[in-house]
Amino acid sequence: MTGFYQTAVVFGVIGLLALVLRYFVGNDRRAVPDLDGTDFGLLSEVALVPTEEAANVLVQKLKANGVRATRSRNAPYRVMVFPADVANARLVLKT
């Protein structure tokens, strides 16, 4: 009878450990990685240009005016800024 109880306790501990690990480790709710390059996370698009050179000019203009900016890697090139900087970026790009 002792072997049965020991086996039951071992399986009980393994089951409890599996539940605890599933709760704390196995609950991964992160977003799926962006494989096609269209998700830019927190960044907002302020301009769309056909060439890399034009995008670089706009990014440099924004940076010269104190707006953090970047561009996408693929054509058509998107010039993007953080949401808090969208109004300032549009104002800079108008002039």
N, C-alpha and C. Protein backbone atom coordinates (compact mmCIF):
# COMPACT_ATOMS: atom_id res chain seq x y z
N MET A 1 0.80 -1.19 0.00
CA MET A 1 0.00 0.00 0.00
C MET A 1 0.85 1.27 0.00
N THR A 2 2.04 1.20 0.60
CA THR A 2 2.91 2.36 0.69
C THR A 2 3.37 2.80 -0.70
N GLY A 3 3.64 1.86 -1.60
CA GLY A 3 4.06 2.19 -2.96
C GLY A 3 2.99 2.94 -3.72
N PHE A 4 1.72 2.58 -3.48
CA PHE A 4 0.62 3.27 -4.15
C PHE A 4 0.54 4.72 -3.70
N TYR A 5 0.67 4.99 -2.41
CA TYR A 5 0.61 6.34 -1.88
C TYR A 5 1.80 7.18 -2.36
N GLN A 6 2.96 6.58 -2.38
CA GLN A 6 4.13 7.30 -2.87
C GLN A 6 3.95 7.68 -4.34
N THR A 7 3.44 6.75 -5.14
CA THR A 7 3.19 7.04 -6.56
C THR A 7 2.14 8.12 -6.71
N ALA A 8 1.09 8.06 -5.91
CA ALA A 8 0.03 9.07 -5.97
C ALA A 8 0.57 10.44 -5.58
N VAL A 9 1.42 10.50 -4.57
CA VAL A 9 2.01 11.77 -4.14
C VAL A 9 2.93 12.32 -5.23
N VAL A 10 3.74 11.48 -5.85
CA VAL A 10 4.65 11.93 -6.91
C VAL A 10 3.84 12.51 -8.08
N PHE A 11 2.80 11.78 -8.51
CA PHE A 11 1.99 12.30 -9.61
C PHE A 11 1.23 13.56 -9.22
N GLY A 12 0.80 13.64 -7.96
CA GLY A 12 0.13 14.85 -7.47
C GLY A 12 1.06 16.05 -7.49
N VAL A 13 2.29 15.85 -7.03
CA VAL A 13 3.28 16.95 -7.02
C VAL A 13 3.62 17.37 -8.45
N ILE A 14 3.79 16.41 -9.34
CA ILE A 14 4.08 16.74 -10.75
C ILE A 14 2.92 17.50 -11.37
N GLY A 15 1.68 17.06 -11.09
CA GLY A 15 0.51 17.77 -11.62
C GLY A 15 0.41 19.18 -11.08
N LEU A 16 0.67 19.34 -9.77
CA LEU A 16 0.63 20.68 -9.17
C LEU A 16 1.72 21.57 -9.76
N LEU A 17 2.92 21.02 -9.93
CA LEU A 17 4.00 21.77 -10.54
C LEU A 17 3.65 22.18 -11.97
N ALA A 18 3.03 21.27 -12.72
CA ALA A 18 2.62 21.59 -14.09
C ALA A 18 1.60 22.73 -14.11
N LEU A 19 0.65 22.72 -13.19
CA LEU A 19 -0.34 23.79 -13.12
C LEU A 19 0.29 25.13 -12.74
N VAL A 20 1.20 25.11 -11.78
CA VAL A 20 1.87 26.35 -11.36
C VAL A 20 2.71 26.90 -12.51
N LEU A 21 3.46 26.05 -13.19
CA LEU A 21 4.27 26.51 -14.32
C LEU A 21 3.40 27.02 -15.46
N ARG A 22 2.30 26.35 -15.71
CA ARG A 22 1.39 26.79 -16.78
C ARG A 22 0.83 28.17 -16.47
N TYR A 23 0.51 28.40 -15.22
CA TYR A 23 -0.06 29.68 -14.82
C TYR A 23 0.96 30.81 -14.93
N PHE A 24 2.19 30.58 -14.45
CA PHE A 24 3.17 31.66 -14.40
C PHE A 24 4.02 31.78 -15.66
N VAL A 25 4.25 30.71 -16.39
CA VAL A 25 5.16 30.74 -17.52
C VAL A 25 4.45 30.54 -18.84
N GLY A 26 3.45 29.70 -18.87
CA GLY A 26 2.83 29.33 -20.14
C GLY A 26 1.75 30.26 -20.62
N ASN A 27 1.63 31.43 -20.03
CA ASN A 27 0.56 32.34 -20.40
C ASN A 27 1.12 33.50 -21.22
N ASP A 28 1.76 33.20 -22.32
CA ASP A 28 2.41 34.20 -23.15
C ASP A 28 1.40 34.85 -24.07
N ARG A 29 1.09 36.11 -23.83
CA ARG A 29 0.09 36.82 -24.63
C ARG A 29 0.71 37.92 -25.48
N ARG A 30 2.01 37.78 -25.76
CA ARG A 30 2.65 38.78 -26.61
C ARG A 30 2.13 38.68 -28.03
N ALA A 31 2.17 39.77 -28.72
CA ALA A 31 1.69 39.79 -30.11
C ALA A 31 2.61 38.96 -31.00
N VAL A 32 2.05 38.49 -32.07
CA VAL A 32 2.81 37.73 -33.05
C VAL A 32 3.78 38.69 -33.74
N PRO A 33 5.03 38.30 -33.98
CA PRO A 33 5.98 39.20 -34.64
C PRO A 33 5.50 39.64 -36.01
N ASP A 34 5.83 40.86 -36.35
CA ASP A 34 5.43 41.42 -37.64
C ASP A 34 6.41 40.95 -38.71
N LEU A 35 5.97 39.98 -39.51
CA LEU A 35 6.86 39.42 -40.52
C LEU A 35 6.78 40.13 -41.86
N ASP A 36 5.70 40.88 -42.10
CA ASP A 36 5.57 41.54 -43.40
C ASP A 36 6.00 43.00 -43.38
N GLY A 37 6.37 43.53 -42.21
CA GLY A 37 6.91 44.89 -42.13
C GLY A 37 5.89 46.00 -42.21
N THR A 38 4.63 45.74 -41.82
CA THR A 38 3.61 46.78 -41.90
C THR A 38 3.17 47.29 -40.53
N ASP A 39 3.61 46.66 -39.46
CA ASP A 39 3.23 47.10 -38.12
C ASP A 39 4.38 47.89 -37.52
N PHE A 40 4.12 49.15 -37.19
CA PHE A 40 5.17 50.01 -36.68
C PHE A 40 4.99 50.33 -35.20
N GLY A 41 4.17 49.56 -34.52
CA GLY A 41 4.00 49.71 -33.08
C GLY A 41 3.42 51.05 -32.70
N LEU A 42 4.12 51.80 -31.87
CA LEU A 42 3.62 53.06 -31.36
C LEU A 42 3.77 54.22 -32.33
N LEU A 43 4.51 54.03 -33.40
CA LEU A 43 4.78 55.14 -34.31
C LEU A 43 3.58 55.47 -35.19
N SER A 44 3.45 56.75 -35.50
CA SER A 44 2.38 57.24 -36.37
C SER A 44 2.99 57.81 -37.65
N GLU A 45 2.35 57.52 -38.75
CA GLU A 45 2.84 57.99 -40.05
C GLU A 45 2.45 59.46 -40.25
N VAL A 46 3.43 60.27 -40.66
CA VAL A 46 3.15 61.68 -40.95
C VAL A 46 3.42 62.02 -42.41
N ALA A 47 4.10 61.15 -43.13
CA ALA A 47 4.36 61.40 -44.55
C ALA A 47 4.62 60.07 -45.25
N LEU A 48 4.27 60.05 -46.53
CA LEU A 48 4.50 58.88 -47.38
C LEU A 48 5.15 59.38 -48.66
N VAL A 49 6.38 58.92 -48.92
CA VAL A 49 7.12 59.40 -50.09
C VAL A 49 7.63 58.21 -50.89
N PRO A 50 7.85 58.40 -52.20
CA PRO A 50 8.22 57.28 -53.05
C PRO A 50 9.70 56.88 -52.99
N THR A 51 10.58 57.81 -52.59
CA THR A 51 12.01 57.49 -52.65
C THR A 51 12.65 57.55 -51.27
N GLU A 52 13.74 56.82 -51.14
CA GLU A 52 14.48 56.80 -49.88
C GLU A 52 15.11 58.16 -49.59
N GLU A 53 15.58 58.82 -50.62
CA GLU A 53 16.22 60.13 -50.44
C GLU A 53 15.23 61.16 -49.89
N ALA A 54 14.02 61.15 -50.42
CA ALA A 54 12.99 62.09 -49.93
C ALA A 54 12.66 61.80 -48.47
N ALA A 55 12.56 60.53 -48.12
CA ALA A 55 12.28 60.17 -46.73
C ALA A 55 13.42 60.63 -45.81
N ASN A 56 14.66 60.45 -46.25
CA ASN A 56 15.80 60.88 -45.44
C ASN A 56 15.81 62.39 -45.24
N VAL A 57 15.46 63.14 -46.28
CA VAL A 57 15.40 64.60 -46.18
C VAL A 57 14.36 65.01 -45.15
N LEU A 58 13.18 64.38 -45.20
CA LEU A 58 12.12 64.74 -44.25
C LEU A 58 12.50 64.36 -42.82
N VAL A 59 13.11 63.22 -42.65
CA VAL A 59 13.55 62.80 -41.31
C VAL A 59 14.58 63.78 -40.77
N GLN A 60 15.54 64.19 -41.59
CA GLN A 60 16.55 65.15 -41.14
C GLN A 60 15.92 66.50 -40.80
N LYS A 61 14.93 66.91 -41.58
CA LYS A 61 14.24 68.17 -41.30
C LYS A 61 13.51 68.10 -39.97
N LEU A 62 12.85 66.98 -39.71
CA LEU A 62 12.15 66.82 -38.44
C LEU A 62 13.13 66.79 -37.27
N LYS A 63 14.22 66.06 -37.43
CA LYS A 63 15.21 65.98 -36.35
C LYS A 63 15.86 67.33 -36.09
N ALA A 64 16.08 68.13 -37.13
CA ALA A 64 16.66 69.46 -36.96
C ALA A 64 15.73 70.37 -36.17
N ASN A 65 14.44 70.08 -36.21
CA ASN A 65 13.45 70.88 -35.49
C ASN A 65 13.03 70.24 -34.17
N GLY A 66 13.78 69.25 -33.70
CA GLY A 66 13.54 68.68 -32.39
C GLY A 66 12.47 67.61 -32.33
N VAL A 67 12.08 67.05 -33.47
CA VAL A 67 11.06 65.99 -33.50
C VAL A 67 11.76 64.67 -33.78
N ARG A 68 11.57 63.69 -32.90
CA ARG A 68 12.15 62.36 -33.11
C ARG A 68 11.42 61.68 -34.26
N ALA A 69 12.15 61.26 -35.28
CA ALA A 69 11.53 60.69 -36.47
C ALA A 69 12.36 59.55 -37.02
N THR A 70 11.70 58.69 -37.77
CA THR A 70 12.36 57.60 -38.47
C THR A 70 11.57 57.31 -39.74
N ARG A 71 12.11 56.39 -40.54
CA ARG A 71 11.42 56.02 -41.78
C ARG A 71 11.36 54.51 -41.89
N SER A 72 10.46 54.03 -42.72
CA SER A 72 10.36 52.59 -42.95
C SER A 72 11.46 52.15 -43.90
N ARG A 73 11.64 50.84 -44.00
CA ARG A 73 12.72 50.30 -44.82
C ARG A 73 12.31 50.03 -46.26
N ASN A 74 11.02 49.92 -46.52
CA ASN A 74 10.56 49.52 -47.85
C ASN A 74 9.76 50.64 -48.52
N ALA A 75 9.81 50.66 -49.85
CA ALA A 75 9.04 51.65 -50.61
C ALA A 75 7.59 51.22 -50.64
N PRO A 76 6.65 52.15 -50.63
CA PRO A 76 6.81 53.58 -50.40
C PRO A 76 7.26 53.85 -48.97
N TYR A 77 8.12 54.81 -48.80
CA TYR A 77 8.75 55.07 -47.51
C TYR A 77 7.83 55.90 -46.63
N ARG A 78 7.63 55.42 -45.42
CA ARG A 78 6.79 56.12 -44.45
C ARG A 78 7.69 56.86 -43.46
N VAL A 79 7.41 58.11 -43.24
CA VAL A 79 8.10 58.89 -42.22
C VAL A 79 7.21 58.84 -40.99
N MET A 80 7.79 58.39 -39.87
CA MET A 80 6.98 58.15 -38.68
C MET A 80 7.56 58.84 -37.46
N VAL A 81 6.64 59.23 -36.57
CA VAL A 81 7.00 59.87 -35.30
C VAL A 81 6.14 59.27 -34.20
N PHE A 82 6.48 59.57 -32.97
CA PHE A 82 5.66 59.13 -31.85
C PHE A 82 4.37 59.95 -31.81
N PRO A 83 3.29 59.38 -31.26
CA PRO A 83 1.99 60.09 -31.26
C PRO A 83 2.04 61.47 -30.62
N ALA A 84 2.85 61.66 -29.60
CA ALA A 84 2.94 62.97 -28.96
C ALA A 84 3.57 64.02 -29.87
N ASP A 85 4.31 63.59 -30.88
CA ASP A 85 5.01 64.51 -31.78
C ASP A 85 4.30 64.72 -33.11
N VAL A 86 3.14 64.11 -33.30
CA VAL A 86 2.46 64.18 -34.61
C VAL A 86 2.12 65.62 -34.99
N ALA A 87 1.55 66.38 -34.07
CA ALA A 87 1.15 67.76 -34.38
C ALA A 87 2.37 68.61 -34.75
N ASN A 88 3.44 68.48 -33.98
CA ASN A 88 4.66 69.25 -34.27
C ASN A 88 5.26 68.83 -35.61
N ALA A 89 5.25 67.53 -35.88
CA ALA A 89 5.82 67.04 -37.12
C ALA A 89 5.04 67.57 -38.33
N ARG A 90 3.73 67.56 -38.25
CA ARG A 90 2.92 68.08 -39.37
C ARG A 90 3.15 69.58 -39.56
N LEU A 91 3.32 70.28 -38.46
CA LEU A 91 3.60 71.72 -38.56
C LEU A 91 4.95 71.96 -39.22
N VAL A 92 5.96 71.19 -38.84
CA VAL A 92 7.29 71.33 -39.44
C VAL A 92 7.25 70.97 -40.91
N LEU A 93 6.54 69.91 -41.26
CA LEU A 93 6.51 69.47 -42.67
C LEU A 93 5.70 70.42 -43.56
N LYS A 94 4.80 71.21 -42.97
CA LYS A 94 4.05 72.19 -43.78
C LYS A 94 4.93 73.32 -44.27
N THR A 95 5.94 73.66 -43.48
CA THR A 95 6.77 74.82 -43.83
C THR A 95 7.89 74.43 -44.75
